[in-house]
Amino acid sequence: MGWRPISNFSLTGMLVKYWRRDFRRRETDAETEFPLHPL
Protein backbone atom coordinates (compact mmCIF):
# COMPACT_ATOMS: atom_id res chain seq x y z
CA MET A 1 0.00 0.00 0.00
CA GLY A 2 1.82 3.10 -1.22
CA TRP A 3 0.10 6.41 -1.86
CA ARG A 4 3.32 8.22 -2.76
CA PRO A 5 3.80 7.48 -6.46
CA ILE A 6 1.00 8.50 -8.81
CA SER A 7 1.67 5.32 -10.80
CA ASN A 8 0.70 3.19 -7.83
CA PHE A 9 -2.40 5.29 -7.27
CA SER A 10 -3.60 4.70 -10.83
CA LEU A 11 -2.84 1.00 -10.60
CA THR A 12 -4.55 0.74 -7.22
CA GLY A 13 -7.63 2.55 -8.54
CA MET A 14 -7.88 0.21 -11.51
CA LEU A 15 -7.33 -2.84 -9.34
CA VAL A 16 -9.93 -1.65 -6.82
CA LYS A 17 -12.42 -1.02 -9.61
CA TYR A 18 -11.91 -4.50 -11.05
CA TRP A 19 -11.80 -6.06 -7.58
CA ARG A 20 -15.10 -4.43 -6.64
CA ARG A 21 -16.67 -5.61 -9.88
CA ASP A 22 -15.30 -9.10 -9.32
CA PHE A 23 -16.53 -9.07 -5.74
CA ARG A 24 -20.04 -8.15 -6.84
CA ARG A 25 -19.91 -10.80 -9.55
CA ARG A 26 -18.66 -13.31 -7.00
CA GLU A 27 -21.93 -12.98 -5.11
CA THR A 28 -23.91 -13.67 -8.27
CA ASP A 29 -21.56 -16.20 -9.86
CA ALA A 30 -20.08 -18.17 -6.99
CA GLU A 31 -18.84 -20.73 -9.50
CA THR A 32 -15.56 -18.93 -10.05
CA GLU A 33 -13.06 -19.64 -7.29
CA PHE A 34 -10.91 -16.54 -7.65
CA PRO A 35 -12.13 -14.12 -10.33
CA LEU A 36 -9.12 -11.81 -10.23
CA HIS A 37 -8.32 -10.57 -13.72
CA PRO A 38 -6.54 -7.19 -13.77
CA LEU A 39 -6.85 -6.92 -17.55
PDB file of N, CA and C in Angstrom:
ATOM      1  N   MET A   1       0.834  -1.198   0.000  1.00  0.00           N
ATOM      2  CA  MET A   1       0.000   0.000   0.000  1.00  0.00           C
ATOM      3  C   MET A   1       0.875   1.257   0.000  1.00  0.00           C
ATOM      4  N   GLY A   2       1.001   1.875  -1.151  1.00  0.00           N
ATOM      5  CA  GLY A   2       1.823   3.099  -1.217  1.00  0.00           C
ATOM      6  C   GLY A   2       1.083   4.202  -1.943  1.00  0.00           C
ATOM      7  N   TRP A   3       0.811   5.275  -1.252  1.00  0.00           N
ATOM      8  CA  TRP A   3       0.095   6.407  -1.861  1.00  0.00           C
ATOM      9  C   TRP A   3       1.058   7.514  -2.229  1.00  0.00           C
ATOM     10  N   ARG A   4       2.334   7.190  -2.411  1.00  0.00           N
ATOM     11  CA  ARG A   4       3.319   8.224  -2.759  1.00  0.00           C
ATOM     12  C   ARG A   4       3.392   8.414  -4.273  1.00  0.00           C
ATOM     13  N   PRO A   5       3.698   7.352  -4.992  1.00  0.00           N
ATOM     14  CA  PRO A   5       3.804   7.476  -6.457  1.00  0.00           C
ATOM     15  C   PRO A   5       2.429   7.522  -7.120  1.00  0.00           C
ATOM     16  N   ILE A   6       2.285   8.395  -8.106  1.00  0.00           N
ATOM     17  CA  ILE A   6       1.005   8.502  -8.811  1.00  0.00           C
ATOM     18  C   ILE A   6       0.738   7.204  -9.586  1.00  0.00           C
ATOM     19  N   SER A   7       1.808   6.567 -10.048  1.00  0.00           N
ATOM     20  CA  SER A   7       1.666   5.324 -10.801  1.00  0.00           C
ATOM     21  C   SER A   7       0.911   4.298  -9.959  1.00  0.00           C
ATOM     22  N   ASN A   8       1.343   4.150  -8.728  1.00  0.00           N
ATOM     23  CA  ASN A   8       0.697   3.191  -7.831  1.00  0.00           C
ATOM     24  C   ASN A   8      -0.763   3.555  -7.635  1.00  0.00           C
ATOM     25  N   PHE A   9      -1.016   4.843  -7.492  1.00  0.00           N
ATOM     26  CA  PHE A   9      -2.395   5.295  -7.269  1.00  0.00           C
ATOM     27  C   PHE A   9      -3.279   4.842  -8.426  1.00  0.00           C
ATOM     28  N   SER A  10      -2.816   5.080  -9.643  1.00  0.00           N
ATOM     29  CA  SER A  10      -3.600   4.698 -10.827  1.00  0.00           C
ATOM     30  C   SER A  10      -3.817   3.185 -10.830  1.00  0.00           C
ATOM     31  N   LEU A  11      -2.744   2.468 -10.593  1.00  0.00           N
ATOM     32  CA  LEU A  11      -2.837   1.004 -10.596  1.00  0.00           C
ATOM     33  C   LEU A  11      -3.793   0.538  -9.509  1.00  0.00           C
ATOM     34  N   THR A  12      -3.682   1.135  -8.340  1.00  0.00           N
ATOM     35  CA  THR A  12      -4.551   0.745  -7.221  1.00  0.00           C
ATOM     36  C   THR A  12      -6.001   1.020  -7.577  1.00  0.00           C
ATOM     37  N   GLY A  13      -6.259   2.197  -8.156  1.00  0.00           N
ATOM     38  CA  GLY A  13      -7.628   2.552  -8.537  1.00  0.00           C
ATOM     39  C   GLY A  13      -8.195   1.527  -9.506  1.00  0.00           C
ATOM     40  N   MET A  14      -7.415   1.187 -10.516  1.00  0.00           N
ATOM     41  CA  MET A  14      -7.880   0.210 -11.510  1.00  0.00           C
ATOM     42  C   MET A  14      -8.148  -1.136 -10.837  1.00  0.00           C
ATOM     43  N   LEU A  15      -7.196  -1.547 -10.010  1.00  0.00           N
ATOM     44  CA  LEU A  15      -7.331  -2.836  -9.338  1.00  0.00           C
ATOM     45  C   LEU A  15      -8.571  -2.840  -8.449  1.00  0.00           C
ATOM     46  N   VAL A  16      -8.764  -1.739  -7.723  1.00  0.00           N
ATOM     47  CA  VAL A  16      -9.927  -1.647  -6.824  1.00  0.00           C
ATOM     48  C   VAL A  16     -11.211  -1.728  -7.636  1.00  0.00           C
ATOM     49  N   LYS A  17     -11.222  -1.007  -8.767  1.00  0.00           N
ATOM     50  CA  LYS A  17     -12.423  -1.023  -9.610  1.00  0.00           C
ATOM     51  C   LYS A  17     -12.721  -2.458 -10.062  1.00  0.00           C
ATOM     52  N   TYR A  18     -11.699  -3.131 -10.586  1.00  0.00           N
ATOM     53  CA  TYR A  18     -11.908  -4.504 -11.046  1.00  0.00           C
ATOM     54  C   TYR A  18     -12.250  -5.424  -9.882  1.00  0.00           C
ATOM     55  N   TRP A  19     -11.568  -5.195  -8.748  1.00  0.00           N
ATOM     56  CA  TRP A  19     -11.804  -6.056  -7.584  1.00  0.00           C
ATOM     57  C   TRP A  19     -13.242  -5.908  -7.116  1.00  0.00           C
ATOM     58  N   ARG A  20     -13.720  -4.669  -7.070  1.00  0.00           N
ATOM     59  CA  ARG A  20     -15.098  -4.426  -6.637  1.00  0.00           C
ATOM     60  C   ARG A  20     -16.067  -5.115  -7.599  1.00  0.00           C
ATOM     61  N   ARG A  21     -15.798  -4.981  -8.881  1.00  0.00           N
ATOM     62  CA  ARG A  21     -16.675  -5.614  -9.882  1.00  0.00           C
ATOM     63  C   ARG A  21     -16.639  -7.131  -9.699  1.00  0.00           C
ATOM     64  N   ASP A  22     -15.429  -7.654  -9.515  1.00  0.00           N
ATOM     65  CA  ASP A  22     -15.297  -9.104  -9.320  1.00  0.00           C
ATOM     66  C   ASP A  22     -16.022  -9.531  -8.053  1.00  0.00           C
ATOM     67  N   PHE A  23     -15.891  -8.721  -7.013  1.00  0.00           N
ATOM     68  CA  PHE A  23     -16.526  -9.069  -5.741  1.00  0.00           C
ATOM     69  C   PHE A  23     -18.043  -9.147  -5.920  1.00  0.00           C
ATOM     70  N   ARG A  24     -18.593  -8.156  -6.610  1.00  0.00           N
ATOM     71  CA  ARG A  24     -20.039  -8.149  -6.839  1.00  0.00           C
ATOM     72  C   ARG A  24     -20.434  -9.359  -7.687  1.00  0.00           C
ATOM     73  N   ARG A  25     -19.612  -9.660  -8.667  1.00  0.00           N
ATOM     74  CA  ARG A  25     -19.908 -10.800  -9.548  1.00  0.00           C
ATOM     75  C   ARG A  25     -19.784 -12.102  -8.762  1.00  0.00           C
ATOM     76  N   ARG A  26     -18.871 -12.107  -7.794  1.00  0.00           N
ATOM     77  CA  ARG A  26     -18.662 -13.314  -7.002  1.00  0.00           C
ATOM     78  C   ARG A  26     -19.974 -13.698  -6.292  1.00  0.00           C
ATOM     79  N   GLU A  27     -20.664 -12.701  -5.800  1.00  0.00           N
ATOM     80  CA  GLU A  27     -21.931 -12.984  -5.105  1.00  0.00           C
ATOM     81  C   GLU A  27     -22.924 -13.644  -6.067  1.00  0.00           C
ATOM     82  N   THR A  28     -22.967 -13.107  -7.294  1.00  0.00           N
ATOM     83  CA  THR A  28     -23.907 -13.674  -8.275  1.00  0.00           C
ATOM     84  C   THR A  28     -23.386 -15.006  -8.815  1.00  0.00           C
ATOM     85  N   ASP A  29     -22.156 -14.968  -9.311  1.00  0.00           N
ATOM     86  CA  ASP A  29     -21.560 -16.203  -9.857  1.00  0.00           C
ATOM     87  C   ASP A  29     -20.534 -16.754  -8.868  1.00  0.00           C
ATOM     88  N   ALA A  30     -20.994 -17.598  -7.991  1.00  0.00           N
ATOM     89  CA  ALA A  30     -20.082 -18.174  -6.993  1.00  0.00           C
ATOM     90  C   ALA A  30     -19.348 -19.381  -7.576  1.00  0.00           C
ATOM     91  N   GLU A  31     -19.511 -19.581  -8.867  1.00  0.00           N
ATOM     92  CA  GLU A  31     -18.838 -20.727  -9.496  1.00  0.00           C
ATOM     93  C   GLU A  31     -17.339 -20.496  -9.590  1.00  0.00           C
ATOM     94  N   THR A  32     -16.991 -19.245  -9.909  1.00  0.00           N
ATOM     95  CA  THR A  32     -15.561 -18.926 -10.046  1.00  0.00           C
ATOM     96  C   THR A  32     -14.903 -18.930  -8.674  1.00  0.00           C
ATOM     97  N   GLU A  33     -13.760 -19.568  -8.582  1.00  0.00           N
ATOM     98  CA  GLU A  33     -13.065 -19.635  -7.294  1.00  0.00           C
ATOM     99  C   GLU A  33     -12.404 -18.302  -6.963  1.00  0.00           C
ATOM    100  N   PHE A  34     -11.614 -17.799  -7.901  1.00  0.00           N
ATOM    101  CA  PHE A  34     -10.907 -16.538  -7.653  1.00  0.00           C
ATOM    102  C   PHE A  34     -10.927 -15.671  -8.903  1.00  0.00           C
ATOM    103  N   PRO A  35     -12.014 -14.969  -9.138  1.00  0.00           N
ATOM    104  CA  PRO A  35     -12.131 -14.117 -10.330  1.00  0.00           C
ATOM    105  C   PRO A  35     -11.306 -12.848 -10.196  1.00  0.00           C
ATOM    106  N   LEU A  36      -9.992 -12.984 -10.371  1.00  0.00           N
ATOM    107  CA  LEU A  36      -9.122 -11.805 -10.235  1.00  0.00           C
ATOM    108  C   LEU A  36      -8.368 -11.589 -11.537  1.00  0.00           C
ATOM    109  N   HIS A  37      -8.971 -10.836 -12.451  1.00  0.00           N
ATOM    110  CA  HIS A  37      -8.321 -10.569 -13.724  1.00  0.00           C
ATOM    111  C   HIS A  37      -8.083  -9.070 -13.890  1.00  0.00           C
ATOM    112  N   PRO A  38      -6.848  -8.624 -13.669  1.00  0.00           N
ATOM    113  CA  PRO A  38      -6.535  -7.190 -13.765  1.00  0.00           C
ATOM    114  C   PRO A  38      -6.858  -6.625 -15.134  1.00  0.00           C
ATOM    115  N   LEU A  39      -6.572  -7.418 -16.207  1.00  0.00           N
ATOM    116  CA  LEU A  39      -6.854  -6.916 -17.552  1.00  0.00           C
ATOM    117  C   LEU A  39      -7.372  -8.080 -18.399  1.00  0.00           C
TER     118      LEU A  39
END
